[in-house]
Amino acid sequence: MKMIVKDAVSRRRMVTGTAGLAASLACPALRAQVPPLARIVIGSGPGSAIDVLARRVAEKLQAGYAAAVVVENKTGASGQLAVGAVKAAPADGLTLLLVPTPYMAIFPHTYKKLPYKPDEDFIAVSRAATLNLGLAVGPAVPPEVKGLRDFAAWCRENPAKASFGSPAAGSTPHFAGVMLARAANFRLEHVPYRGPTPAVQDMVGGQIAAACTAIGDVHSFAAAGKCRLLGTSGARRSRFAPDIATFAEQGIGDVVIEDWFGFFLAAGTPAAQIGRASTALRAALGRPDIQQAMEQSCLEVQGSTPEAFSAQVKADTARWAPVVKAIGFTADS
């Protein structure tokens, strides 16, 4: 009986050992199937909302999508350095571009010599997040100004003080501010900045009357009583500012804007790699920890299919064409 038990144990050990050896031999092969490196390229600097989102996503993609996923900040030339880097990269699905709306839907209308064609050089893979814009005023505007109509009246009475800052000339907030002023029939001088932070700082400091930018850029200042949010750009009220009426609710229905951040790959990327990227991105963007973390920036994080995102990009590109033409802005001048 003891001999039989010993033989049985020996056989089990041999089987277990063989299985373990097979697993140890298989693991390097499985690891070899995962690419060593993938990149997420953005045109903004460290600490920006899109940078934080990119790094959160990179963490979730690591190991499954590639052994290492790094974020590259290629700032300058209004994001064209970042876009150009991905356009020139191998179309293997390992260099992802994460950009905001203007890079793909507005710049084709504002630049006469844009060094890329969004619809020809890139493939829309997944929307990453959506965000609403807001118009906020600081101490330069009297406290009795509580809404857009009040602000319009104040601007008419104080034309020399009627100004607003935006993160950049040719940005969505720039055009939103101009659209608001035209729709409500008052003059509002645009003051372009290099990013949202200096625009908001000057608004809070009273150097300019207002700032039009993403809600997340002014949310903490409004909560601290340093500025007042007069309206938001969404089709419905933002859950990050539920007490603030939309532009449409205040009678300016033509100014309904929902910006996005989205992922793209270089044209020519094989369908299998597009599908792999789409699946991985949607899984990462669907994680509650990422969604909750980005609420600090007032971003609604949610992925999409390539087909749905491509349709959205095309619709936004068509929508912004007449707006840019009517405003008459060109980035080349």
Protein backbone atom coordinates (compact mmCIF):
# COMPACT_ATOMS: atom_id res chain seq x y z
CA MET A 1 0.00 0.00 0.00
CA LYS A 2 2.81 2.42 0.90
CA MET A 3 4.53 1.60 -2.39
CA ILE A 4 1.41 2.37 -4.35
CA VAL A 5 0.97 5.71 -2.61
CA LYS A 6 4.61 6.58 -3.25
CA ASP A 7 4.29 5.75 -6.94
CA ALA A 8 1.10 7.80 -7.20
CA VAL A 9 2.78 10.76 -5.55
CA SER A 10 5.76 10.40 -7.85
CA ARG A 11 3.55 10.34 -10.90
CA ARG A 12 1.70 13.44 -9.71
CA ARG A 13 4.97 15.24 -9.11
CA MET A 14 6.18 14.27 -12.55
CA VAL A 15 2.96 15.52 -14.19
CA THR A 16 3.05 18.72 -12.15
CA GLY A 17 6.68 19.27 -12.96
CA THR A 18 6.09 18.70 -16.66
CA ALA A 19 3.17 21.14 -16.63
CA GLY A 20 5.24 23.71 -14.79
CA LEU A 21 8.07 23.35 -17.28
CA ALA A 22 5.64 23.75 -20.16
CA ALA A 23 4.20 26.89 -18.55
CA SER A 24 7.65 28.34 -17.94
CA LEU A 25 8.57 27.71 -21.54
CA ALA A 26 5.29 29.16 -22.78
CA CYS A 27 5.42 32.40 -20.75
CA PRO A 28 8.36 33.94 -22.63
CA ALA A 29 6.57 33.11 -25.87
CA LEU A 30 3.42 34.81 -24.64
CA ARG A 31 5.40 37.80 -23.43
CA ALA A 32 7.08 38.03 -26.81
CA GLN A 33 3.67 38.53 -28.41
CA VAL A 34 3.16 41.77 -26.45
CA PRO A 35 4.98 44.69 -28.15
CA PRO A 36 7.74 46.15 -25.99
CA LEU A 37 6.67 49.79 -26.32
CA ALA A 38 3.68 51.93 -27.29
CA ARG A 39 3.37 55.72 -27.23
CA ILE A 40 0.59 58.22 -26.62
CA VAL A 41 1.55 61.55 -28.19
CA ILE A 42 -0.12 64.80 -27.12
CA GLY A 43 0.43 68.44 -28.04
CA SER A 44 0.03 69.83 -24.52
CA GLY A 45 2.43 70.12 -21.63
CA PRO A 46 2.61 68.09 -18.41
CA GLY A 47 -0.18 68.73 -15.93
CA SER A 48 -2.83 69.72 -18.47
CA ALA A 49 -6.14 67.85 -18.39
CA ILE A 50 -5.36 65.96 -21.57
CA ASP A 51 -1.91 65.05 -20.21
CA VAL A 52 -3.41 63.66 -17.00
CA LEU A 53 -5.93 61.65 -19.02
CA ALA A 54 -3.21 60.31 -21.32
CA ARG A 55 -1.14 59.12 -18.36
CA ARG A 56 -4.11 57.46 -16.70
CA VAL A 57 -4.90 55.58 -19.90
CA ALA A 58 -1.24 54.66 -20.41
CA GLU A 59 -1.17 53.00 -16.99
CA LYS A 60 -4.15 50.83 -17.89
CA LEU A 61 -2.78 49.88 -21.31
CA GLN A 62 0.54 48.77 -19.87
CA ALA A 63 1.25 45.03 -19.97
CA GLY A 64 -1.79 44.11 -22.04
CA TYR A 65 -1.37 46.48 -25.00
CA ALA A 66 2.40 46.85 -24.72
CA ALA A 67 5.01 46.03 -22.11
CA ALA A 68 5.49 49.77 -21.59
CA VAL A 69 3.26 52.67 -22.65
CA VAL A 70 4.77 56.16 -22.46
CA VAL A 71 3.27 59.61 -22.93
CA GLU A 72 5.19 62.04 -25.11
CA ASN A 73 4.49 65.78 -24.78
CA LYS A 74 5.33 67.37 -28.12
CA THR A 75 4.32 70.98 -27.60
CA GLY A 76 4.59 73.81 -30.09
CA ALA A 77 3.15 74.95 -33.42
CA SER A 78 -0.42 74.67 -32.11
CA GLY A 79 -0.10 70.93 -31.73
CA GLN A 80 1.24 70.36 -35.22
CA LEU A 81 4.47 68.86 -33.89
CA ALA A 82 2.52 66.16 -32.08
CA VAL A 83 0.28 65.47 -35.05
CA GLY A 84 3.25 65.38 -37.41
CA ALA A 85 5.10 62.90 -35.20
CA VAL A 86 2.22 60.43 -35.34
CA LYS A 87 1.68 60.98 -39.05
CA ALA A 88 5.34 60.04 -39.66
CA ALA A 89 5.34 57.08 -37.27
CA PRO A 90 5.02 53.46 -38.46
CA ALA A 91 1.36 52.53 -39.00
CA ASP A 92 1.55 49.61 -36.59
CA GLY A 93 -0.95 50.70 -33.96
CA LEU A 94 1.75 51.48 -31.39
CA THR A 95 1.81 55.28 -31.73
CA LEU A 96 -1.47 56.82 -30.61
CA LEU A 97 -2.40 60.48 -30.99
CA LEU A 98 -4.63 62.08 -28.35
CA VAL A 99 -5.93 65.51 -29.35
CA PRO A 100 -8.78 67.97 -28.69
CA THR A 101 -11.47 68.98 -31.18
CA PRO A 102 -9.67 71.87 -32.95
CA TYR A 103 -6.75 69.76 -34.22
CA MET A 104 -9.04 67.70 -36.43
CA ALA A 105 -12.28 69.67 -36.86
CA ILE A 106 -11.30 73.36 -36.80
CA PHE A 107 -7.70 73.73 -37.97
CA PRO A 108 -8.55 72.51 -41.50
CA HIS A 109 -10.67 75.67 -41.80
CA THR A 110 -8.31 78.13 -40.12
CA TYR A 111 -4.96 77.10 -41.64
CA LYS A 112 -4.42 77.53 -45.36
CA LYS A 113 -1.27 75.40 -45.20
CA LEU A 114 -1.98 72.77 -42.57
CA PRO A 115 0.74 70.07 -42.90
CA TYR A 116 -1.75 67.25 -42.51
CA LYS A 117 -5.22 66.25 -43.71
CA PRO A 118 -7.25 64.77 -40.87
CA ASP A 119 -9.52 62.71 -43.10
CA GLU A 120 -6.64 61.30 -45.16
CA ASP A 121 -3.73 61.03 -42.74
CA PHE A 122 -5.48 59.67 -39.65
CA ILE A 123 -7.98 57.09 -38.48
CA ALA A 124 -10.39 57.95 -35.67
CA VAL A 125 -10.15 55.17 -33.08
CA SER A 126 -12.08 56.27 -30.00
CA ARG A 127 -13.45 59.34 -28.33
CA ALA A 128 -11.78 59.67 -24.92
CA ALA A 129 -13.77 62.36 -23.12
CA THR A 130 -16.20 65.22 -23.62
CA LEU A 131 -16.24 68.62 -21.95
CA ASN A 132 -18.35 71.74 -21.87
CA LEU A 133 -17.14 75.32 -22.11
CA GLY A 134 -18.11 78.11 -19.77
CA LEU A 135 -18.07 81.90 -19.72
CA ALA A 136 -16.82 83.23 -16.39
CA VAL A 137 -16.34 86.77 -15.12
CA GLY A 138 -14.06 88.11 -12.41
CA PRO A 139 -13.92 91.19 -10.16
CA ALA A 140 -13.77 93.58 -13.12
CA VAL A 141 -17.48 92.87 -13.64
CA PRO A 142 -19.97 94.05 -10.96
CA PRO A 143 -21.53 91.32 -8.77
CA GLU A 144 -25.04 92.14 -9.97
CA VAL A 145 -24.09 90.67 -13.37
CA LYS A 146 -25.31 87.10 -12.91
CA GLY A 147 -26.19 85.88 -16.41
CA LEU A 148 -25.43 86.37 -20.09
CA ARG A 149 -28.10 89.02 -20.61
CA ASP A 150 -26.74 91.01 -17.68
CA PHE A 151 -23.23 90.65 -19.07
CA ALA A 152 -24.34 91.78 -22.53
CA ALA A 153 -25.94 94.89 -21.04
CA TRP A 154 -22.83 95.65 -18.99
CA CYS A 155 -20.60 95.27 -22.06
CA ARG A 156 -22.75 97.70 -24.03
CA GLU A 157 -22.46 100.24 -21.22
CA ASN A 158 -18.73 99.64 -20.75
CA PRO A 159 -17.30 98.94 -24.22
CA ALA A 160 -13.74 99.82 -23.20
CA LYS A 161 -13.80 97.11 -20.52
CA ALA A 162 -15.63 94.46 -22.54
CA SER A 163 -13.01 91.78 -23.15
CA PHE A 164 -12.61 88.05 -22.76
CA GLY A 165 -9.64 85.73 -22.74
CA SER A 166 -9.35 82.29 -24.30
CA PRO A 167 -6.62 79.60 -24.23
CA ALA A 168 -5.58 80.42 -27.81
CA ALA A 169 -6.55 82.21 -30.98
CA GLY A 170 -8.48 79.81 -33.18
CA SER A 171 -9.52 77.63 -30.25
CA THR A 172 -13.05 76.47 -29.59
CA PRO A 173 -13.41 78.87 -26.62
CA HIS A 174 -12.25 81.76 -28.85
CA PHE A 175 -15.00 81.06 -31.35
CA ALA A 176 -17.57 80.40 -28.62
CA GLY A 177 -16.95 83.84 -27.12
CA VAL A 178 -17.29 85.54 -30.49
CA MET A 179 -20.45 83.57 -31.25
CA LEU A 180 -21.99 84.59 -27.92
CA ALA A 181 -21.28 88.27 -28.49
CA ARG A 182 -22.68 88.19 -32.01
CA ALA A 183 -25.79 86.28 -31.00
CA ALA A 184 -26.54 88.72 -28.16
CA ASN A 185 -25.52 91.76 -30.24
CA PHE A 186 -22.73 93.27 -28.16
CA ARG A 187 -19.04 93.95 -28.69
CA LEU A 188 -16.52 91.75 -26.88
CA GLU A 189 -12.80 92.05 -27.57
CA HIS A 190 -10.90 88.77 -27.72
CA VAL A 191 -7.60 88.47 -25.86
CA PRO A 192 -5.73 85.27 -26.83
CA TYR A 193 -3.45 83.56 -24.32
CA ARG A 194 -1.06 80.63 -24.39
CA GLY A 195 -3.17 78.12 -22.53
CA PRO A 196 -6.09 78.46 -20.13
CA THR A 197 -4.13 79.15 -16.94
CA PRO A 198 -2.91 82.70 -17.74
CA ALA A 199 -6.32 83.62 -19.17
CA VAL A 200 -8.09 82.51 -16.00
CA GLN A 201 -5.48 84.19 -13.78
CA ASP A 202 -5.96 87.51 -15.54
CA MET A 203 -9.74 87.17 -15.31
CA VAL A 204 -9.58 86.36 -11.59
CA GLY A 205 -7.11 89.22 -11.12
CA GLY A 206 -9.37 91.73 -12.86
CA GLN A 207 -7.09 92.42 -15.83
CA ILE A 208 -9.79 91.21 -18.23
CA ALA A 209 -13.53 91.06 -17.73
CA ALA A 210 -14.18 87.45 -18.67
CA ALA A 211 -12.69 84.15 -19.75
CA CYS A 212 -14.20 81.55 -22.03
CA THR A 213 -12.64 78.15 -21.48
CA ALA A 214 -13.39 74.59 -20.37
CA ILE A 215 -15.48 74.42 -17.20
CA GLY A 216 -12.71 72.51 -15.48
CA ASP A 217 -10.37 75.48 -15.87
CA VAL A 218 -12.57 77.77 -13.75
CA HIS A 219 -14.53 75.35 -11.58
CA SER A 220 -12.34 75.61 -8.48
CA PHE A 221 -12.13 79.41 -8.74
CA ALA A 222 -15.92 79.67 -8.99
CA ALA A 223 -16.31 77.36 -5.98
CA ALA A 224 -13.94 79.62 -4.02
CA GLY A 225 -15.91 82.74 -4.98
CA LYS A 226 -13.09 84.21 -7.06
CA CYS A 227 -15.13 84.28 -10.27
CA ARG A 228 -18.69 83.70 -11.43
CA LEU A 229 -19.72 81.23 -14.10
CA LEU A 230 -22.41 82.88 -16.22
CA GLY A 231 -23.30 80.03 -18.56
CA THR A 232 -22.20 76.73 -20.06
CA SER A 233 -22.10 75.49 -23.63
CA GLY A 234 -23.72 72.06 -23.51
CA ALA A 235 -27.09 70.97 -24.86
CA ARG A 236 -28.02 70.35 -21.21
CA ARG A 237 -26.63 71.55 -17.92
CA SER A 238 -23.28 70.15 -16.90
CA ARG A 239 -23.38 67.82 -13.92
CA PHE A 240 -20.27 69.64 -12.73
CA ALA A 241 -22.19 72.95 -12.64
CA PRO A 242 -25.87 71.96 -12.31
CA ASP A 243 -26.94 75.36 -11.00
CA ILE A 244 -25.60 77.22 -14.03
CA ALA A 245 -27.95 77.67 -16.99
CA THR A 246 -26.73 76.78 -20.46
CA PHE A 247 -26.26 79.40 -23.15
CA ALA A 248 -29.33 77.96 -24.89
CA GLU A 249 -31.44 78.26 -21.74
CA GLN A 250 -30.51 81.93 -21.62
CA GLY A 251 -31.79 82.51 -25.14
CA ILE A 252 -28.62 81.92 -27.16
CA GLY A 253 -29.55 78.63 -28.77
CA ASP A 254 -27.02 78.81 -31.60
CA VAL A 255 -24.10 78.37 -29.21
CA VAL A 256 -24.28 74.71 -28.20
CA ILE A 257 -20.77 73.27 -28.07
CA GLU A 258 -19.45 70.00 -26.70
CA ASP A 259 -15.71 69.61 -27.08
CA TRP A 260 -13.92 66.26 -27.02
CA PHE A 261 -10.55 64.61 -26.63
CA GLY A 262 -10.01 61.68 -28.98
CA PHE A 263 -7.55 58.99 -30.01
CA PHE A 264 -6.26 58.61 -33.57
CA LEU A 265 -3.86 56.32 -35.44
CA ALA A 266 -1.89 56.99 -38.60
CA ALA A 267 -3.59 56.13 -41.88
CA GLY A 268 -2.57 52.75 -43.21
CA THR A 269 -2.78 51.02 -39.84
CA PRO A 270 -4.09 47.47 -40.43
CA ALA A 271 -7.69 46.79 -39.45
CA ALA A 272 -6.60 44.22 -36.88
CA GLN A 273 -4.44 46.80 -35.10
CA ILE A 274 -7.22 49.39 -35.21
CA GLY A 275 -9.56 46.88 -33.62
CA ARG A 276 -6.99 45.97 -30.99
CA ALA A 277 -6.43 49.62 -30.10
CA SER A 278 -10.16 50.34 -30.00
CA THR A 279 -10.86 47.42 -27.68
CA ALA A 280 -8.01 48.30 -25.32
CA LEU A 281 -8.90 51.99 -25.20
CA ARG A 282 -12.58 51.43 -24.53
CA ALA A 283 -11.72 49.02 -21.73
CA ALA A 284 -9.37 51.55 -20.15
CA LEU A 285 -11.76 54.48 -20.57
CA GLY A 286 -14.59 52.44 -19.10
CA ARG A 287 -12.79 51.95 -15.79
CA PRO A 288 -14.50 53.78 -12.91
CA ASP A 289 -11.18 54.84 -11.36
CA ILE A 290 -10.21 56.77 -14.50
CA GLN A 291 -13.67 58.30 -14.84
CA GLN A 292 -13.69 59.42 -11.21
CA ALA A 293 -10.15 60.79 -11.37
CA MET A 294 -10.95 62.95 -14.40
CA GLU A 295 -14.02 64.43 -12.73
CA GLN A 296 -11.58 66.83 -11.07
CA SER A 297 -11.09 68.34 -14.53
CA CYS A 298 -14.85 68.21 -15.24
CA LEU A 299 -14.33 65.64 -17.99
CA GLU A 300 -16.91 63.02 -18.93
CA VAL A 301 -14.71 60.05 -19.79
CA GLN A 302 -16.21 57.49 -22.17
CA GLY A 303 -14.84 55.56 -25.12
CA SER A 304 -16.55 54.90 -28.45
CA THR A 305 -16.26 52.71 -31.51
CA PRO A 306 -14.10 53.90 -34.42
CA GLU A 307 -17.24 54.23 -36.54
CA ALA A 308 -19.06 56.43 -34.03
CA PHE A 309 -16.06 58.64 -33.40
CA SER A 310 -15.31 59.01 -37.11
CA ALA A 311 -18.89 60.15 -37.70
CA GLN A 312 -18.59 62.68 -34.88
CA VAL A 313 -15.35 64.11 -36.26
CA LYS A 314 -16.90 64.48 -39.72
CA ALA A 315 -20.01 66.16 -38.32
CA ASP A 316 -17.97 68.61 -36.23
CA THR A 317 -15.69 69.41 -39.17
CA ALA A 318 -18.72 70.26 -41.30
CA ARG A 319 -20.31 72.26 -38.51
CA TRP A 320 -17.29 74.49 -37.85
CA ALA A 321 -16.68 75.41 -41.50
CA PRO A 322 -19.41 78.10 -41.76
CA VAL A 323 -18.64 79.39 -38.27
CA VAL A 324 -14.98 80.01 -39.08
CA LYS A 325 -15.92 81.58 -42.40
CA ALA A 326 -18.42 83.93 -40.78
CA ILE A 327 -15.93 85.03 -38.13
CA GLY A 328 -13.25 85.48 -40.77
CA PHE A 329 -10.41 84.13 -38.69
CA THR A 330 -7.28 82.67 -40.30
CA ALA A 331 -4.37 81.24 -38.33
CA ASP A 332 -1.85 81.96 -41.09
CA SER A 333 -2.27 85.72 -40.93
